[in-house]
C-alpha atoms as a PDB file:
ATOM      1  CA  MET A   1      51.217  41.582 -22.615  1.00  0.00           C
ATOM      2  CA  GLU A   2      48.300  43.641 -23.947  1.00  0.00           C
ATOM      3  CA  SER A   3      48.017  47.257 -23.026  1.00  0.00           C
ATOM      4  CA  MET A   4      45.093  48.575 -20.981  1.00  0.00           C
ATOM      5  CA  ASP A   5      43.760  50.460 -24.031  1.00  0.00           C
ATOM      6  CA  THR A   6      43.687  47.269 -26.116  1.00  0.00           C
ATOM      7  CA  GLN A   7      41.826  45.374 -23.384  1.00  0.00           C
ATOM      8  CA  MET A   8      39.297  48.196 -23.012  1.00  0.00           C
ATOM      9  CA  GLY A   9      38.793  48.266 -26.790  1.00  0.00           C
ATOM     10  CA  LYS A  10      38.070  44.521 -26.840  1.00  0.00           C
ATOM     11  CA  SER A  11      35.681  44.886 -23.895  1.00  0.00           C
ATOM     12  CA  GLN A  12      33.831  47.726 -25.611  1.00  0.00           C
ATOM     13  CA  ARG A  13      33.545  45.771 -28.862  1.00  0.00           C
ATOM     14  CA  LEU A  14      32.290  42.736 -26.973  1.00  0.00           C
ATOM     15  CA  ALA A  15      29.713  44.830 -25.074  1.00  0.00           C
ATOM     16  CA  GLY A  16      28.612  46.479 -28.320  1.00  0.00           C
ATOM     17  CA  THR A  17      28.315  43.132 -30.085  1.00  0.00           C
ATOM     18  CA  VAL A  18      26.288  41.637 -27.223  1.00  0.00           C
ATOM     19  CA  GLY A  19      24.044  44.737 -27.134  1.00  0.00           C
ATOM     20  CA  LEU A  20      23.447  44.665 -30.886  1.00  0.00           C
ATOM     21  CA  ALA A  21      22.781  40.922 -30.838  1.00  0.00           C
ATOM     22  CA  SER A  22      20.250  41.414 -28.023  1.00  0.00           C
ATOM     23  CA  ILE A  23      18.445  44.146 -29.964  1.00  0.00           C
ATOM     24  CA  LEU A  24      18.301  41.975 -33.085  1.00  0.00           C
ATOM     25  CA  VAL A  25      17.071  38.912 -31.170  1.00  0.00           C
ATOM     26  CA  PHE A  26      14.326  40.815 -29.338  1.00  0.00           C
ATOM     27  CA  GLY A  27      13.363  42.657 -32.519  1.00  0.00           C
ATOM     28  CA  PHE A  28      13.091  39.418 -34.445  1.00  0.00           C
ATOM     29  CA  TYR A  29      11.116  37.868 -31.574  1.00  0.00           C
ATOM     30  CA  GLY A  30       8.674  40.817 -31.675  1.00  0.00           C
ATOM     31  CA  ILE A  31       8.172  40.444 -35.422  1.00  0.00           C
ATOM     32  CA  VAL A  32       7.532  36.705 -35.086  1.00  0.00           C
ATOM     33  CA  VAL A  33       5.107  37.165 -32.169  1.00  0.00           C
ATOM     34  CA  TYR A  34       3.242  39.887 -34.068  1.00  0.00           C
ATOM     35  CA  ALA A  35       3.033  37.737 -37.194  1.00  0.00           C
ATOM     36  CA  VAL A  36       1.817  34.679 -35.275  1.00  0.00           C
ATOM     37  CA  ALA A  37      -0.659  36.587 -33.111  1.00  0.00           C
ATOM     38  CA  GLY A  38      -1.899  38.686 -36.006  1.00  0.00           C
ATOM     39  CA  ASP A  39      -3.114  42.239 -35.767  1.00  0.00           C
ATOM     40  CA  SER A  40      -5.479  42.431 -32.805  1.00  0.00           C
ATOM     41  CA  THR A  41      -7.336  45.287 -34.482  1.00  0.00           C
ATOM     42  CA  ASP A  42      -8.618  42.909 -37.144  1.00  0.00           C
ATOM     43  CA  TYR A  43     -12.233  42.133 -36.720  1.00  0.00           C
ATOM     44  CA  THR A  44     -14.808  40.548 -38.884  1.00  0.00           C
ATOM     45  CA  LYS A  45     -16.512  43.352 -40.793  1.00  0.00           C
ATOM     46  CA  ASP A  46     -20.072  42.376 -41.314  1.00  0.00           C
ATOM     47  CA  THR A  47     -21.836  43.737 -44.383  1.00  0.00           C
ATOM     48  CA  ILE A  48     -25.285  43.783 -42.756  1.00  0.00           C
ATOM     49  CA  TYR A  49     -23.934  45.692 -39.749  1.00  0.00           C
ATOM     50  CA  VAL A  50     -22.043  48.158 -41.942  1.00  0.00           C
ATOM     51  CA  GLU A  51     -25.058  48.586 -44.242  1.00  0.00           C
ATOM     52  CA  GLU A  52     -27.618  49.112 -41.463  1.00  0.00           C
ATOM     53  CA  CYS A  53     -25.612  51.064 -38.875  1.00  0.00           C
ATOM     54  CA  GLY A  54     -23.361  52.762 -41.398  1.00  0.00           C
ATOM     55  CA  ALA A  55     -26.366  54.212 -43.228  1.00  0.00           C
ATOM     56  CA  CYS A  56     -26.581  56.975 -40.593  1.00  0.00           C
ATOM     57  CA  HIS A  57     -23.115  57.149 -39.014  1.00  0.00           C
ATOM     58  CA  LEU A  58     -19.748  55.435 -39.005  1.00  0.00           C
ATOM     59  CA  ALA A  59     -20.358  51.760 -38.343  1.00  0.00           C
ATOM     60  CA  TYR A  60     -18.148  51.928 -35.273  1.00  0.00           C
ATOM     61  CA  PRO A  61     -15.965  48.862 -34.875  1.00  0.00           C
ATOM     62  CA  PRO A  62     -17.890  46.705 -32.392  1.00  0.00           C
ATOM     63  CA  GLY A  63     -14.728  45.975 -30.418  1.00  0.00           C
ATOM     64  CA  LEU A  64     -14.915  49.500 -28.994  1.00  0.00           C
ATOM     65  CA  LEU A  65     -17.812  48.659 -26.681  1.00  0.00           C
ATOM     66  CA  PRO A  66     -18.369  45.926 -24.105  1.00  0.00           C
ATOM     67  CA  VAL A  67     -21.235  43.452 -24.486  1.00  0.00           C
ATOM     68  CA  GLU A  68     -23.419  45.345 -21.986  1.00  0.00           C
ATOM     69  CA  SER A  69     -23.265  48.560 -24.029  1.00  0.00           C
ATOM     70  CA  GLY A  70     -24.118  46.722 -27.242  1.00  0.00           C
ATOM     71  CA  ARG A  71     -27.112  45.073 -25.574  1.00  0.00           C
ATOM     72  CA  LYS A  72     -28.415  48.402 -24.307  1.00  0.00           C
ATOM     73  CA  ILE A  73     -27.960  50.045 -27.699  1.00  0.00           C
ATOM     74  CA  MET A  74     -29.804  47.274 -29.512  1.00  0.00           C
ATOM     75  CA  GLY A  75     -32.548  47.292 -26.864  1.00  0.00           C
ATOM     76  CA  GLY A  76     -33.131  51.019 -27.334  1.00  0.00           C
ATOM     77  CA  LEU A  77     -33.277  51.436 -31.093  1.00  0.00           C
ATOM     78  CA  ALA A  78     -36.682  53.170 -30.879  1.00  0.00           C
ATOM     79  CA  ASP A  79     -34.794  56.102 -29.315  1.00  0.00           C
ATOM     80  CA  HIS A  80     -31.248  55.718 -30.595  1.00  0.00           C
ATOM     81  CA  PHE A  81     -29.647  58.935 -29.369  1.00  0.00           C
ATOM     82  CA  GLY A  82     -32.758  60.922 -30.233  1.00  0.00           C
ATOM     83  CA  GLU A  83     -33.539  59.116 -33.508  1.00  0.00           C
ATOM     84  CA  SER A  84     -35.507  56.015 -34.403  1.00  0.00           C
ATOM     85  CA  ALA A  85     -33.212  53.295 -35.696  1.00  0.00           C
ATOM     86  CA  GLU A  86     -35.647  50.434 -35.402  1.00  0.00           C
ATOM     87  CA  LEU A  87     -34.939  47.297 -37.391  1.00  0.00           C
ATOM     88  CA  ASP A  88     -36.963  44.232 -38.202  1.00  0.00           C
ATOM     89  CA  GLU A  89     -36.628  41.426 -35.667  1.00  0.00           C
ATOM     90  CA  GLU A  90     -34.395  39.243 -37.834  1.00  0.00           C
ATOM     91  CA  THR A  91     -31.913  42.038 -38.643  1.00  0.00           C
ATOM     92  CA  SER A  92     -31.924  43.251 -35.047  1.00  0.00           C
ATOM     93  CA  GLY A  93     -31.166  39.743 -33.758  1.00  0.00           C
ATOM     94  CA  TYR A  94     -28.433  39.256 -36.327  1.00  0.00           C
ATOM     95  CA  ILE A  95     -26.706  42.546 -35.465  1.00  0.00           C
ATOM     96  CA  SER A  96     -27.101  41.874 -31.730  1.00  0.00           C
ATOM     97  CA  ASN A  97     -25.309  38.541 -32.139  1.00  0.00           C
ATOM     98  CA  TYR A  98     -22.570  40.166 -34.212  1.00  0.00           C
ATOM     99  CA  LEU A  99     -22.018  42.904 -31.621  1.00  0.00           C
ATOM    100  CA  GLN A 100     -21.864  40.321 -28.848  1.00  0.00           C
ATOM    101  CA  GLN A 101     -19.309  38.181 -30.704  1.00  0.00           C
ATOM    102  CA  GLU A 102     -17.051  41.144 -31.528  1.00  0.00           C
ATOM    103  CA  ALA A 103     -17.455  43.057 -28.248  1.00  0.00           C
ATOM    104  CA  LEU A 104     -14.677  44.394 -26.051  1.00  0.00           C
ATOM    105  CA  ARG A 105     -14.103  41.860 -23.266  1.00  0.00           C
ATOM    106  CA  ALA A 106     -12.028  41.648 -20.129  1.00  0.00           C
ATOM    107  CA  GLY A 107      -9.355  38.983 -20.511  1.00  0.00           C
ATOM    108  CA  VAL A 108      -9.308  39.182 -24.318  1.00  0.00           C
ATOM    109  CA  PRO A 109      -6.399  41.479 -25.160  1.00  0.00           C
ATOM    110  CA  THR A 110      -6.840  43.879 -28.069  1.00  0.00           C
ATOM    111  CA  THR A 111      -5.507  47.316 -28.852  1.00  0.00           C
ATOM    112  CA  MET A 112      -8.735  48.660 -27.313  1.00  0.00           C
ATOM    113  CA  SER A 113      -8.466  46.730 -24.022  1.00  0.00           C
ATOM    114  CA  GLU A 114      -7.387  49.897 -22.240  1.00  0.00           C
ATOM    115  CA  MET A 115     -10.944  51.199 -22.722  1.00  0.00           C
ATOM    116  CA  LEU A 116     -12.036  48.821 -19.959  1.00  0.00           C
ATOM    117  CA  ARG A 117      -9.971  50.744 -17.377  1.00  0.00           C
ATOM    118  CA  ASN A 118     -12.087  52.400 -14.695  1.00  0.00           C
ATOM    119  CA  LEU A 119     -15.242  51.393 -16.537  1.00  0.00           C
ATOM    120  CA  PRO A 120     -18.298  51.432 -14.266  1.00  0.00           C
ATOM    121  CA  ALA A 121     -20.274  48.224 -13.713  1.00  0.00           C
ATOM    122  CA  ASP A 122     -23.051  49.739 -15.850  1.00  0.00           C
ATOM    123  CA  PRO A 123     -20.979  51.013 -18.803  1.00  0.00           C
ATOM    124  CA  PRO A 124     -22.157  53.977 -20.867  1.00  0.00           C
ATOM    125  CA  LEU A 125     -23.543  53.564 -24.364  1.00  0.00           C
ATOM    126  CA  ARG A 126     -21.108  56.020 -25.900  1.00  0.00           C
ATOM    127  CA  ILE A 127     -17.402  55.278 -26.061  1.00  0.00           C
ATOM    128  CA  THR A 128     -16.856  59.027 -25.748  1.00  0.00           C
ATOM    129  CA  GLU A 129     -18.045  58.711 -22.136  1.00  0.00           C
ATOM    130  CA  PHE A 130     -15.569  55.990 -21.138  1.00  0.00           C
ATOM    131  CA  PRO A 131     -13.014  57.205 -18.573  1.00  0.00           C
ATOM    132  CA  ALA A 132     -10.088  55.782 -20.589  1.00  0.00           C
ATOM    133  CA  PHE A 133     -11.348  57.427 -23.777  1.00  0.00           C
ATOM    134  CA  LEU A 134     -11.655  60.800 -22.071  1.00  0.00           C
ATOM    135  CA  GLY A 135      -8.181  60.406 -20.595  1.00  0.00           C
ATOM    136  CA  ALA A 136      -6.705  59.551 -23.998  1.00  0.00           C
ATOM    137  CA  HIS A 137      -8.342  62.626 -25.545  1.00  0.00           C
ATOM    138  CA  GLN A 138      -7.607  65.068 -22.715  1.00  0.00           C
ATOM    139  CA  ILE A 139      -4.747  66.567 -24.733  1.00  0.00           C
ATOM    140  CA  ILE A 140      -7.332  67.770 -27.281  1.00  0.00           C
ATOM    141  CA  ALA A 141      -9.261  69.634 -24.598  1.00  0.00           C
ATOM    142  CA  GLU A 142      -6.025  71.208 -23.383  1.00  0.00           C
ATOM    143  CA  GLN A 143      -4.969  72.222 -26.893  1.00  0.00           C
ATOM    144  CA  LEU A 144      -8.367  73.755 -27.608  1.00  0.00           C
ATOM    145  CA  GLN A 145      -8.558  75.279 -24.106  1.00  0.00           C
ATOM    146  CA  MET A 146     -11.865  73.556 -23.375  1.00  0.00           C
ATOM    147  CA  ASP A 147     -13.031  72.609 -19.897  1.00  0.00           C
ATOM    148  CA  GLU A 148     -15.272  69.907 -21.324  1.00  0.00           C
ATOM    149  CA  PHE A 149     -16.307  68.650 -24.725  1.00  0.00           C
ATOM    150  CA  PRO A 150     -19.745  69.580 -26.062  1.00  0.00           C
ATOM    151  CA  GLU A 151     -21.987  66.554 -26.656  1.00  0.00           C
ATOM    152  CA  GLY A 152     -20.995  64.765 -29.837  1.00  0.00           C
ATOM    153  CA  PHE A 153     -17.727  66.708 -30.259  1.00  0.00           C
ATOM    154  CA  LEU A 154     -15.553  63.576 -30.352  1.00  0.00           C
ATOM    155  CA  SER A 155     -18.120  61.251 -31.941  1.00  0.00           C
ATOM    156  CA  PRO A 156     -17.047  61.537 -35.585  1.00  0.00           C
ATOM    157  CA  CYS A 157     -13.870  59.466 -35.087  1.00  0.00           C
ATOM    158  CA  ALA A 158     -13.035  59.546 -38.786  1.00  0.00           C
ATOM    159  CA  ASP A 159     -12.604  63.334 -38.632  1.00  0.00           C
ATOM    160  CA  CYS A 160      -9.222  62.720 -37.020  1.00  0.00           C
ATOM    161  CA  HIS A 161      -8.647  58.970 -37.322  1.00  0.00           C
ATOM    162  CA  ARG A 162      -8.698  58.334 -41.046  1.00  0.00           C
ATOM    163  CA  GLN A 163      -8.826  54.542 -40.602  1.00  0.00           C
ATOM    164  CA  ALA A 164     -11.460  54.469 -37.852  1.00  0.00           C
ATOM    165  CA  ALA A 165     -13.742  52.236 -39.911  1.00  0.00           C
ATOM    166  CA  ASP A 166     -10.976  49.618 -39.822  1.00  0.00           C
ATOM    167  CA  ALA A 167     -10.555  49.962 -36.038  1.00  0.00           C
ATOM    168  CA  LEU A 168      -7.174  51.697 -36.425  1.00  0.00           C
ATOM    169  CA  PHE A 169      -6.830  54.584 -34.004  1.00  0.00           C
ATOM    170  CA  ASP A 170      -3.047  54.955 -33.748  1.00  0.00           C
ATOM    171  CA  LYS A 171      -1.781  58.490 -33.203  1.00  0.00           C
ATOM    172  CA  GLU A 172       0.558  57.989 -36.154  1.00  0.00           C
ATOM    173  CA  LEU A 173      -2.464  57.637 -38.440  1.00  0.00           C
ATOM    174  CA  LEU A 174      -4.160  60.930 -37.565  1.00  0.00           C
ATOM    175  CA  HIS A 175      -5.192  63.258 -40.374  1.00  0.00           C
ATOM    176  CA  PRO A 176      -2.548  65.949 -40.799  1.00  0.00           C
ATOM    177  CA  GLY A 177      -3.535  69.053 -38.880  1.00  0.00           C
ATOM    178  CA  TYR A 178      -5.758  67.178 -36.445  1.00  0.00           C
ATOM    179  CA  GLY A 179      -4.933  65.928 -32.996  1.00  0.00           C
ATOM    180  CA  PRO A 180      -1.759  66.399 -31.006  1.00  0.00           C
ATOM    181  CA  PRO A 181       1.423  67.176 -32.892  1.00  0.00           C
ATOM    182  CA  LEU A 182       3.410  64.051 -33.709  1.00  0.00           C
ATOM    183  CA  GLN A 183       6.722  64.016 -31.921  1.00  0.00           C
END
């Protein structure tokens, strides 16, 4: 007859083996799902868009804004945040179509889908005015002891997010010395 200690040892080994097997199975499943689904931050970089919009500022990944915001931006290029950014009709139409195809959409999951949370029916033109964006960056205001951000303070994404042009905004990819401390 086995002693109680021997039975407990077998039970612990069995529980440990089952736990480890579960971790490995779910880990492998996650890797396979990620590989099959691809990286949802990938988007089609368009050279005309990057050339035209990137001539004055970061050519923000179009998946940061919903279709409505892109339409309003393209419809107001004569006064694009205080500057004229007018384009010829052909280029304007081309970029408008590109922005529409790559826009942030409800029901299409991406790493930026959270930006649609609490978004008003008439969304702002600037991502820095989205409720979810402000919530995600609230820690910066707290760290800098600011009640509110001055206009344009958070606009140069690449100041902190070194891969912003590739639509990568993970906290792990922040420039050293910027943003919240990594824990």
